[in-house]
Protein backbone atom coordinates (compact mmCIF):
# COMPACT_ATOMS: atom_id res chain seq x y z
CA MET A 1 0.00 0.00 0.00
CA PRO A 2 1.50 3.41 -1.00
CA SER A 3 2.26 5.94 1.74
CA PRO A 4 -0.17 8.88 2.00
CA VAL A 5 0.82 12.06 0.18
CA THR A 6 1.20 15.17 2.31
CA VAL A 7 0.39 18.52 0.73
CA SER A 8 3.71 20.30 0.24
CA GLU A 9 4.77 23.40 2.14
CA GLU A 10 4.79 25.32 -1.14
CA GLN A 11 1.20 24.30 -1.89
CA LEU A 12 0.06 25.32 1.59
CA LYS A 13 2.00 28.58 1.37
CA ASN A 14 0.10 29.31 -1.82
CA GLN A 15 -3.23 28.84 -0.02
CA PHE A 16 -2.11 31.14 2.81
CA THR A 17 -1.36 33.71 0.13
CA TYR A 18 -5.01 33.47 -0.91
CA ILE A 19 -6.08 33.78 2.75
CA ASP A 20 -4.19 37.07 2.82
CA ALA A 21 -5.73 38.08 -0.51
CA VAL A 22 -9.30 37.45 0.71
CA SER A 23 -8.46 39.22 3.95
CA ALA A 24 -7.45 42.27 1.92
CA LEU A 25 -10.80 42.16 0.11
CA THR A 26 -12.76 41.95 3.39
CA ARG A 27 -10.72 44.50 5.35
CA GLY A 28 -12.94 47.13 6.94
CA LYS A 29 -16.19 45.44 5.85
CA GLN A 30 -16.99 43.44 9.03
CA LEU A 31 -18.19 40.45 7.03
CA ARG A 32 -19.89 37.54 8.76
CA ALA A 33 -19.90 33.81 8.01
CA TYR A 34 -22.40 31.09 8.90
CA THR A 35 -21.55 27.38 8.78
CA HIS A 36 -23.77 24.35 9.30
CA THR A 37 -22.60 20.75 9.44
CA PHE A 38 -24.57 17.63 8.57
CA GLY A 39 -23.37 14.13 9.37
CA CYS A 40 -20.43 12.69 11.23
CA GLN A 41 -17.75 14.01 13.56
CA GLN A 42 -15.25 14.05 10.69
CA ASN A 43 -17.46 16.58 8.97
CA GLU A 44 -17.51 18.60 12.20
CA ALA A 45 -13.71 18.54 12.27
CA ASP A 46 -13.57 19.62 8.62
CA THR A 47 -15.91 22.52 9.33
CA GLU A 48 -13.65 23.66 12.16
CA ARG A 49 -10.82 23.98 9.64
CA ILE A 50 -13.01 25.90 7.22
CA ARG A 51 -14.05 28.20 10.05
CA GLY A 52 -10.39 28.64 10.93
CA MET A 53 -9.59 29.71 7.38
CA LEU A 54 -12.59 32.05 7.33
CA HIS A 55 -11.46 33.60 10.61
CA GLU A 56 -8.00 34.21 9.16
CA MET A 57 -9.66 35.85 6.14
CA GLY A 58 -11.39 38.39 8.39
CA TYR A 59 -14.86 36.87 8.73
CA CYS A 60 -16.68 36.88 12.06
CA MET A 61 -18.94 33.92 12.83
CA THR A 62 -22.70 34.26 13.18
CA ASP A 63 -25.42 31.79 14.19
CA ARG A 64 -27.96 33.35 11.80
CA PRO A 65 -27.69 32.61 8.07
CA GLU A 66 -29.80 35.66 7.26
CA ASP A 67 -27.09 37.85 8.81
CA ALA A 68 -24.21 36.20 6.96
CA ASP A 69 -22.22 37.34 3.95
CA PHE A 70 -20.89 33.80 3.48
CA ILE A 71 -23.03 30.70 4.10
CA LEU A 72 -21.63 27.18 4.01
CA TYR A 73 -23.29 23.79 4.36
CA ASN A 74 -20.94 20.87 4.98
CA THR A 75 -22.96 17.90 3.81
CA CYS A 76 -23.36 14.17 4.44
CA ALA A 77 -24.17 11.44 1.93
CA VAL A 78 -24.50 8.43 4.25
CA ARG A 79 -28.30 8.48 4.30
CA GLU A 80 -30.91 9.92 1.95
CA HIS A 81 -32.49 11.92 4.78
CA ALA A 82 -29.25 13.89 5.27
CA GLU A 83 -29.14 14.77 1.57
CA ASP A 84 -32.81 15.81 1.58
CA ARG A 85 -32.22 18.10 4.56
CA ALA A 86 -29.21 19.69 2.86
CA PHE A 87 -31.12 20.32 -0.37
CA GLY A 88 -34.02 21.73 1.65
CA ASN A 89 -31.77 24.17 3.49
CA ILE A 90 -30.07 25.26 0.28
CA GLY A 91 -33.41 25.70 -1.47
CA ALA A 92 -34.66 27.92 1.35
CA LEU A 93 -31.81 30.36 0.65
CA SER A 94 -33.04 31.28 -2.83
CA HIS A 95 -35.04 34.22 -1.47
CA LEU A 96 -32.05 35.48 0.52
CA LYS A 97 -29.88 35.34 -2.60
CA LYS A 98 -32.44 37.41 -4.52
CA GLN A 99 -32.57 39.99 -1.75
CA ARG A 100 -28.81 40.09 -1.30
CA PRO A 101 -27.06 39.02 -4.53
CA ASP A 102 -23.60 39.49 -3.05
CA VAL A 103 -24.06 36.77 -0.40
CA VAL A 104 -21.86 33.74 -1.17
CA ILE A 105 -23.60 30.39 -0.65
CA ALA A 106 -21.27 27.39 -0.57
CA LEU A 107 -21.66 23.61 -0.40
CA CYS A 108 -18.98 21.10 0.54
CA GLY A 109 -18.57 17.64 2.06
CA CYS A 110 -19.49 14.13 1.00
CA MET A 111 -22.69 15.01 -0.82
CA ALA A 112 -20.79 17.60 -2.83
CA GLN A 113 -18.23 14.97 -3.92
CA GLN A 114 -20.83 13.07 -5.97
CA GLU A 115 -21.17 13.92 -9.67
CA LYS A 116 -24.96 13.48 -9.64
CA ASN A 117 -25.31 16.10 -6.92
CA VAL A 118 -22.89 18.47 -8.63
CA GLU A 119 -25.05 18.42 -11.75
CA LYS A 120 -28.21 18.87 -9.69
CA ILE A 121 -26.75 21.92 -7.93
CA LYS A 122 -25.57 23.41 -11.22
CA LYS A 123 -28.98 23.06 -12.87
CA SER A 124 -31.46 23.56 -10.04
CA TYR A 125 -29.76 25.65 -7.36
CA PRO A 126 -28.31 28.78 -9.02
CA GLN A 127 -28.00 30.44 -5.61
CA VAL A 128 -24.97 28.21 -4.87
CA SER A 129 -21.81 30.08 -5.88
CA LEU A 130 -19.20 27.65 -4.58
CA LEU A 131 -19.09 23.86 -4.39
CA PHE A 132 -16.05 21.81 -3.41
CA GLY A 133 -15.52 18.17 -2.52
CA THR A 134 -13.77 16.43 0.34
CA HIS A 135 -10.40 16.39 -1.45
CA ALA A 136 -10.48 20.13 -2.18
CA LEU A 137 -11.05 21.37 1.37
CA TRP A 138 -7.49 22.62 1.83
CA ARG A 139 -7.85 24.66 -1.39
CA PHE A 140 -10.84 26.55 -0.01
CA PRO A 141 -9.04 29.95 0.18
CA SER A 142 -8.17 30.00 -3.53
CA LEU A 143 -11.67 28.81 -4.48
CA LEU A 144 -13.36 31.53 -2.42
CA TYR A 145 -10.99 34.14 -3.86
CA ARG A 146 -12.08 33.14 -7.37
CA VAL A 147 -15.75 33.50 -6.43
CA LEU A 148 -15.18 36.94 -4.94
CA THR A 149 -13.01 38.31 -7.73
CA GLU A 150 -14.28 36.57 -10.86
CA LYS A 151 -17.96 36.91 -9.88
CA LYS A 152 -18.80 33.48 -11.24
CA ARG A 153 -19.72 30.07 -9.85
CA VAL A 154 -16.83 27.79 -8.89
CA PHE A 155 -17.17 23.99 -8.68
CA ASP A 156 -14.23 21.77 -7.68
CA ILE A 157 -14.47 18.11 -6.70
CA GLY A 158 -11.01 17.20 -7.95
CA GLY A 159 -7.92 16.34 -5.96
CA GLU A 160 -5.98 13.38 -4.67
CA ASP A 161 -6.11 11.31 -1.51
CA ASP A 162 -3.64 13.58 0.26
CA ILE A 163 -3.23 15.11 3.72
CA ALA A 164 -2.91 18.82 4.47
CA GLU A 165 -1.17 19.70 7.73
CA GLY A 166 -1.05 23.12 9.33
CA LEU A 167 -4.46 24.49 8.37
CA PRO A 168 -5.91 27.00 10.86
CA VAL A 169 -8.69 25.68 13.10
CA LEU A 170 -11.52 27.50 14.87
CA ARG A 171 -13.01 25.02 17.32
CA ALA A 172 -16.35 25.11 19.08
CA GLN A 173 -16.28 26.45 22.62
CA GLY A 174 -16.19 23.98 25.46
CA PRO A 175 -13.88 21.33 26.91
CA LYS A 176 -14.10 18.87 24.00
CA ALA A 177 -12.13 18.67 20.75
CA TRP A 178 -11.91 16.48 17.66
CA LEU A 179 -8.54 15.22 16.45
CA SER A 180 -8.44 13.51 13.06
CA ILE A 181 -5.80 10.77 12.88
CA MET A 182 -6.67 9.41 9.42
CA TYR A 183 -9.00 9.91 6.50
CA GLY A 184 -10.84 7.70 4.04
CA CYS A 185 -11.86 4.07 4.09
CA ASN A 186 -10.80 0.84 2.36
CA ASN A 187 -13.60 -1.42 3.59
CA PHE A 188 -16.25 -0.98 0.88
CA CYS A 189 -19.20 -2.21 2.92
CA THR A 190 -21.84 -2.76 0.28
CA TYR A 191 -24.28 -0.23 1.78
CA CYS A 192 -21.77 2.59 2.34
CA ILE A 193 -20.85 5.52 0.10
CA VAL A 194 -17.92 6.72 2.26
CA PRO A 195 -15.00 5.13 0.32
CA TYR A 196 -16.34 6.70 -2.88
CA VAL A 197 -16.55 10.23 -1.46
CA ARG A 198 -13.77 10.22 1.16
CA GLY A 199 -11.18 8.23 -0.77
CA ARG A 200 -8.76 5.56 0.38
CA GLU A 201 -7.37 5.25 3.90
CA ARG A 202 -4.51 7.58 4.67
CA SER A 203 -2.97 8.07 8.10
CA ARG A 204 -1.43 11.19 9.53
CA ARG A 205 2.10 10.82 10.82
CA PRO A 206 2.23 10.10 14.56
CA GLU A 207 4.40 13.14 15.35
CA GLU A 208 1.83 15.45 13.73
CA ILE A 209 -0.98 13.87 15.75
CA GLU A 210 1.01 14.12 18.98
CA LYS A 211 1.83 17.77 18.28
CA GLU A 212 -1.83 18.61 17.76
CA LEU A 213 -2.78 16.74 20.93
CA ARG A 214 -0.17 18.65 22.96
CA ASP A 215 -1.56 21.92 21.58
CA LEU A 216 -5.09 20.90 22.53
CA VAL A 217 -4.09 19.94 26.06
CA ALA A 218 -2.16 23.20 26.44
CA ALA A 219 -5.27 25.09 25.31
CA GLY A 220 -7.28 23.46 28.11
CA TYR A 221 -9.27 20.78 26.31
CA LYS A 222 -10.17 17.90 28.60
CA GLU A 223 -11.73 15.37 26.21
CA ILE A 224 -10.11 14.72 22.85
CA THR A 225 -11.74 12.31 20.41
CA LEU A 226 -9.51 10.66 17.80
CA LEU A 227 -11.34 10.45 14.48
CA GLY A 228 -11.16 8.16 11.48
CA GLN A 229 -13.60 6.21 9.35
CA ASN A 230 -11.82 3.13 10.75
CA VAL A 231 -9.29 4.08 13.42
CA ASN A 232 -8.29 0.43 13.87
CA SER A 233 -6.60 0.58 10.47
CA TYR A 234 -4.36 3.44 11.53
CA GLY A 235 -0.74 3.16 10.39
CA LYS A 236 -1.13 0.42 7.79
CA ASP A 237 -0.29 2.85 4.99
CA LEU A 238 2.59 4.69 6.67
CA GLY A 239 5.37 2.17 6.19
CA LEU A 240 6.25 2.58 9.86
CA ASP A 241 6.21 0.04 12.66
CA ILE A 242 3.15 1.57 14.32
CA ASP A 243 -0.50 0.63 14.64
CA PHE A 244 -3.46 2.15 16.47
CA ALA A 245 -2.60 0.49 19.77
CA ASP A 246 0.90 1.98 19.54
CA LEU A 247 -0.57 5.40 18.80
CA LEU A 248 -2.82 5.22 21.86
CA ARG A 249 0.18 4.44 24.07
CA ARG A 250 2.16 7.32 22.55
CA LEU A 251 -0.67 9.80 23.08
CA ASN A 252 -1.39 8.51 26.56
CA ALA A 253 2.16 9.56 27.53
CA VAL A 254 1.40 13.24 26.77
CA PRO A 255 1.34 15.11 30.12
CA GLY A 256 -1.95 16.51 31.36
CA ASP A 257 -5.31 15.59 32.84
CA PHE A 258 -7.57 14.60 29.95
CA TRP A 259 -9.55 11.77 28.43
CA LEU A 260 -8.87 10.21 25.03
CA ARG A 261 -11.76 8.73 23.08
CA PHE A 262 -11.83 7.37 19.54
CA MET A 263 -14.26 6.47 16.79
CA THR A 264 -15.13 4.65 14.70
CA SER A 265 -13.77 1.12 15.06
CA HIS A 266 -14.34 -1.78 12.66
CA PRO A 267 -14.67 -5.24 14.24
CA LYS A 268 -12.53 -6.91 11.58
CA ASP A 269 -9.53 -4.84 12.74
CA ALA A 270 -10.22 -4.77 16.49
CA SER A 271 -7.82 -6.99 18.42
CA PRO A 272 -6.66 -8.11 21.87
CA ARG A 273 -3.65 -5.84 21.31
CA LEU A 274 -5.98 -2.83 21.08
CA PHE A 275 -7.90 -3.84 24.21
CA ASP A 276 -4.63 -4.34 26.10
CA ALA A 277 -3.62 -0.78 25.23
CA MET A 278 -7.01 0.60 26.25
CA ALA A 279 -6.89 -1.22 29.58
CA GLN A 280 -3.33 -0.14 30.38
CA CYS A 281 -3.57 3.52 29.30
CA GLU A 282 -5.16 5.51 32.12
CA LYS A 283 -6.13 8.45 29.89
CA VAL A 284 -7.90 6.31 27.28
CA ALA A 285 -11.58 6.25 28.19
CA LYS A 286 -13.00 2.82 28.89
CA GLN A 287 -15.59 3.22 26.18
CA LEU A 288 -15.87 1.33 22.90
CA HIS A 289 -18.09 2.10 19.94
CA LEU A 290 -17.88 -1.05 17.80
CA PRO A 291 -20.59 -1.22 15.10
CA PHE A 292 -21.79 -4.76 14.33
CA GLN A 293 -24.68 -3.79 11.97
CA SER A 294 -26.32 -7.24 11.95
CA GLY A 295 -26.32 -10.41 14.03
CA SER A 296 -26.82 -12.60 10.95
CA ASP A 297 -23.72 -14.06 9.33
CA GLU A 298 -25.49 -14.14 5.96
CA ILE A 299 -26.39 -10.45 6.16
CA LEU A 300 -22.86 -9.62 7.35
CA ARG A 301 -21.53 -11.46 4.30
CA ARG A 302 -23.85 -9.50 2.00
CA MET A 303 -22.71 -6.30 3.72
CA ASN A 304 -19.02 -7.27 3.15
CA ARG A 305 -18.27 -6.79 6.84
CA ARG A 306 -15.72 -9.65 7.01
CA TYR A 307 -16.47 -11.02 10.47
CA THR A 308 -19.12 -13.28 11.98
CA ALA A 309 -21.52 -12.71 14.86
CA ASP A 310 -19.58 -15.14 17.06
CA GLU A 311 -16.29 -13.40 16.24
CA TYR A 312 -17.92 -10.16 17.33
CA ARG A 313 -19.09 -11.77 20.59
CA ALA A 314 -15.54 -12.98 21.23
CA LEU A 315 -14.19 -9.43 20.79
CA ILE A 316 -16.68 -8.07 23.31
CA ALA A 317 -15.85 -10.86 25.78
CA ASP A 318 -12.14 -10.02 25.52
CA ALA A 319 -12.76 -6.28 25.96
CA ARG A 320 -14.93 -6.87 29.03
CA ALA A 321 -12.47 -9.33 30.55
CA LYS A 322 -9.76 -6.66 30.40
CA MET A 323 -12.05 -3.70 31.23
CA PRO A 324 -15.01 -4.92 33.31
CA ASP A 325 -16.55 -1.44 33.55
CA ILE A 326 -16.26 -0.62 29.85
CA THR A 327 -19.22 1.14 28.23
CA LEU A 328 -20.27 -0.38 24.91
CA SER A 329 -22.18 1.13 22.02
CA SER A 330 -22.83 0.01 18.47
CA ASP A 331 -24.64 0.67 15.18
CA ILE A 332 -27.35 -1.56 13.70
CA ILE A 333 -28.99 -1.46 10.30
CA VAL A 334 -32.53 -2.87 10.20
CA GLY A 335 -34.06 -3.94 6.92
CA PHE A 336 -30.93 -4.50 4.84
CA PRO A 337 -31.92 -6.03 1.47
CA GLY A 338 -32.53 -9.74 1.88
CA GLU A 339 -32.95 -9.63 5.67
CA THR A 340 -35.41 -12.31 6.77
CA GLU A 341 -37.23 -12.67 10.06
CA GLU A 342 -34.66 -15.25 11.09
CA ASP A 343 -31.83 -12.85 10.28
CA PHE A 344 -33.46 -10.15 12.40
CA GLU A 345 -34.01 -12.57 15.30
CA GLN A 346 -30.26 -13.25 15.25
CA THR A 347 -29.64 -9.50 15.53
CA LEU A 348 -32.01 -9.33 18.49
CA GLN A 349 -30.22 -12.25 20.10
CA LEU A 350 -26.83 -10.56 19.77
CA VAL A 351 -28.24 -7.43 21.39
CA GLU A 352 -29.57 -9.52 24.28
CA ASP A 353 -26.26 -11.36 24.62
CA VAL A 354 -23.99 -8.30 24.59
CA ARG A 355 -26.28 -5.85 26.46
CA PHE A 356 -25.07 -2.56 25.05
CA ASP A 357 -25.22 0.67 27.00
CA LEU A 358 -26.21 2.57 23.86
CA LEU A 359 -27.31 1.67 20.34
CA PHE A 360 -27.59 3.77 17.21
CA THR A 361 -30.24 2.08 15.10
CA PHE A 362 -31.12 2.87 11.49
CA LEU A 363 -33.55 1.66 8.88
CA TYR A 364 -31.60 0.77 5.75
CA SER A 365 -31.35 3.67 3.30
CA PRO A 366 -30.16 2.77 -0.22
CA ARG A 367 -27.28 4.85 -1.52
CA SER A 368 -26.93 5.28 -5.26
CA GLY A 369 -23.49 4.10 -6.37
CA THR A 370 -23.17 1.33 -3.79
CA PRO A 371 -23.61 -2.41 -4.56
CA ALA A 372 -26.47 -2.86 -2.09
CA ALA A 373 -28.58 -0.28 -3.91
CA SER A 374 -29.22 -2.92 -6.59
CA TYR A 375 -29.86 -5.84 -4.20
CA GLU A 376 -33.27 -7.46 -4.33
CA ASP A 377 -35.40 -6.82 -1.25
CA ASN A 378 -37.96 -9.19 0.21
CA ALA A 379 -39.44 -7.33 3.19
CA THR A 380 -42.15 -4.66 3.16
CA PRO A 381 -41.63 -1.24 4.75
CA GLN A 382 -44.19 -2.23 7.38
CA GLU A 383 -42.22 -5.37 8.29
CA LYS A 384 -39.02 -3.36 8.57
CA GLN A 385 -40.69 -0.75 10.78
CA GLN A 386 -42.07 -3.44 13.06
CA ARG A 387 -38.60 -4.97 13.42
CA PHE A 388 -37.16 -1.56 14.14
CA GLU A 389 -39.68 -0.95 16.92
CA ARG A 390 -39.03 -4.40 18.43
CA LEU A 391 -35.32 -3.64 18.48
CA LEU A 392 -35.88 -0.31 20.21
CA LYS A 393 -38.12 -1.93 22.81
CA ALA A 394 -35.56 -4.66 23.57
CA GLN A 395 -32.71 -2.14 23.84
CA ASP A 396 -34.71 0.20 26.08
CA ALA A 397 -35.23 -2.63 28.57
CA ILE A 398 -31.48 -3.34 28.59
CA VAL A 399 -30.59 0.34 29.00
CA ALA A 400 -33.05 0.76 31.89
CA GLU A 401 -31.38 -2.15 33.68
CA ARG A 402 -27.83 -0.93 33.04
CA GLN A 403 -28.65 2.67 33.99
CA ALA A 404 -30.31 1.55 37.24
CA ALA A 405 -27.08 -0.25 38.24
CA TYR A 406 -25.39 3.17 38.63
CA GLN A 407 -27.68 4.15 41.52
CA GLY A 408 -25.52 5.16 44.49
CA LYS A 409 -22.20 4.84 42.65
CA THR A 410 -19.48 7.48 42.79
CA VAL A 411 -18.21 8.46 39.35
CA ARG A 412 -15.72 10.88 37.85
CA LEU A 413 -17.39 13.35 35.49
CA LEU A 414 -16.32 15.96 32.98
CA VAL A 415 -18.73 18.90 33.21
CA ASP A 416 -19.44 20.01 29.65
CA GLY A 417 -22.48 22.30 29.63
CA THR A 418 -25.70 23.55 31.18
CA ALA A 419 -28.96 21.62 31.52
CA LYS A 420 -32.53 22.84 31.06
CA GLY A 421 -33.87 21.75 34.45
CA PRO A 422 -33.21 23.93 37.54
CA ASP A 423 -32.71 21.00 39.91
CA TYR A 424 -29.70 19.61 38.04
CA PRO A 425 -28.32 22.69 36.22
CA PHE A 426 -25.20 21.17 34.60
CA THR A 427 -24.56 18.40 32.08
CA ALA A 428 -21.56 16.10 32.27
CA ARG A 429 -20.21 12.83 30.89
CA THR A 430 -18.84 9.78 32.58
CA GLU A 431 -15.62 8.18 31.37
CA GLY A 432 -17.92 5.80 29.49
CA ASN A 433 -19.59 8.80 27.79
CA LEU A 434 -22.93 8.42 29.58
CA LEU A 435 -24.94 11.63 29.96
CA VAL A 436 -25.30 12.93 33.52
CA CYS A 437 -27.17 15.95 34.89
CA VAL A 438 -25.40 17.33 37.95
CA ARG A 439 -26.24 19.49 40.95
CA GLY A 440 -23.99 20.97 43.61
CA ALA A 441 -21.92 24.00 44.55
CA ASP A 442 -18.86 25.40 42.77
CA ILE A 443 -19.33 23.47 39.54
CA GLU A 444 -17.45 24.83 36.54
CA ILE A 445 -17.81 23.82 32.90
CA GLY A 446 -14.62 22.14 31.75
CA SER A 447 -13.74 20.69 35.14
CA PHE A 448 -13.50 17.11 36.36
CA ILE A 449 -15.56 16.39 39.47
CA GLU A 450 -16.50 13.45 41.66
CA ALA A 451 -20.24 12.89 42.00
CA GLU A 452 -22.67 10.35 43.41
CA ILE A 453 -25.50 9.06 41.23
CA ASP A 454 -28.74 9.72 43.12
CA LYS A 455 -31.30 9.07 40.37
CA THR A 456 -31.44 7.24 37.03
CA SER A 457 -33.60 7.29 33.93
CA LEU A 458 -33.56 5.71 30.49
CA ARG A 459 -31.63 8.51 28.80
CA CYS A 460 -29.77 10.24 31.63
CA LEU A 461 -28.19 9.75 35.02
CA PHE A 462 -28.57 12.35 37.79
CA ALA A 463 -25.82 13.08 40.27
CA ARG A 464 -24.80 15.24 43.22
CA LYS A 465 -21.29 16.65 43.35
CA ILE A 466 -19.37 15.30 46.32
């Protein structure tokens, strides 16, 4: 496998020249930018880099698109609903564009990387002035400069599977931060569009990741989530003697009081070596999001997942043996083409066997351009909905039981925000990423506290600071 290509210093310097050029155009104008992100945490991290570049260009951020001079939607293509929402939001801006012709409306992300959507935007959404794909993100300054100076629409979904280091970042306020360690995916699950829009797997060099982590810790971030479409594949393309377990140990050695999380993991690449590292690294949160998608070996084969239900159970058993208090979450697709009642019963059985703390459940959504989009289906929408509801009911019973077990326990929490209710005015997370509402004196957002769980519910724990 070839090593990932890093954007050269000269190429980046050229983009910083365009940042300066746009800044010169905006100087004295007090321009404002609005960004909205659909989809996954990787999209959130990408938007933070776009916001960083906008900030360097002289734009101030606003939460109101109607007040903005630049509007950007970072889009998702994983499910049809996400695309529909993005098109709906873009369509709603047509009136704003007529009222204020100088406003720049931009579209980027996974949806923008697909040719069919590019043509649709060109023909049906004339209010969009700028569209760029996932590979062109680092070229955003030069693309925006062209829009502003040439006064014409700019569309760019070209580029290679490369990595750009050193882009400015404007992160959301709070104690949490995203840290991308790799990009792309090589798995080609038959239902998934990601490899087609994000490209092949490419890992950042470990020294660059460590440097960014040190900067985040120095800036006061307390929870840093390592991101990748499949973090377990980290390092395979670098030509170095390092894998994801090694990276966790290296990052765990960075001084400071913080938690490390990561997502998303693929079961085919999870290993005892990874669980050993998690168990032995005190800063790595004892939380694992390991999507299994289906409990049926036949459906897993049709999905091209490359593991069996029993192999998945063995992974969970190993993780729990090494980390008895680990919090487990997963993804499930209900109604994949060809799923029978027996297949679904096997999924239900796996859920009952593993007893997850949290599940993200989805009805199958066909994605044009993926193999599964052409698979023959044999279940009605009503049957799929009934299965979905049965799954939710089974999982709710498991969650109620697991949440109730926290009653009276003392836990370490990271306070991350404010709650709506007056009795428990703060929100926090456990090491296992469970939501907790907290009460007590001298509580500060961004601090670690010890608290006792004094009430539980299906979706939240309630605690009193000790």
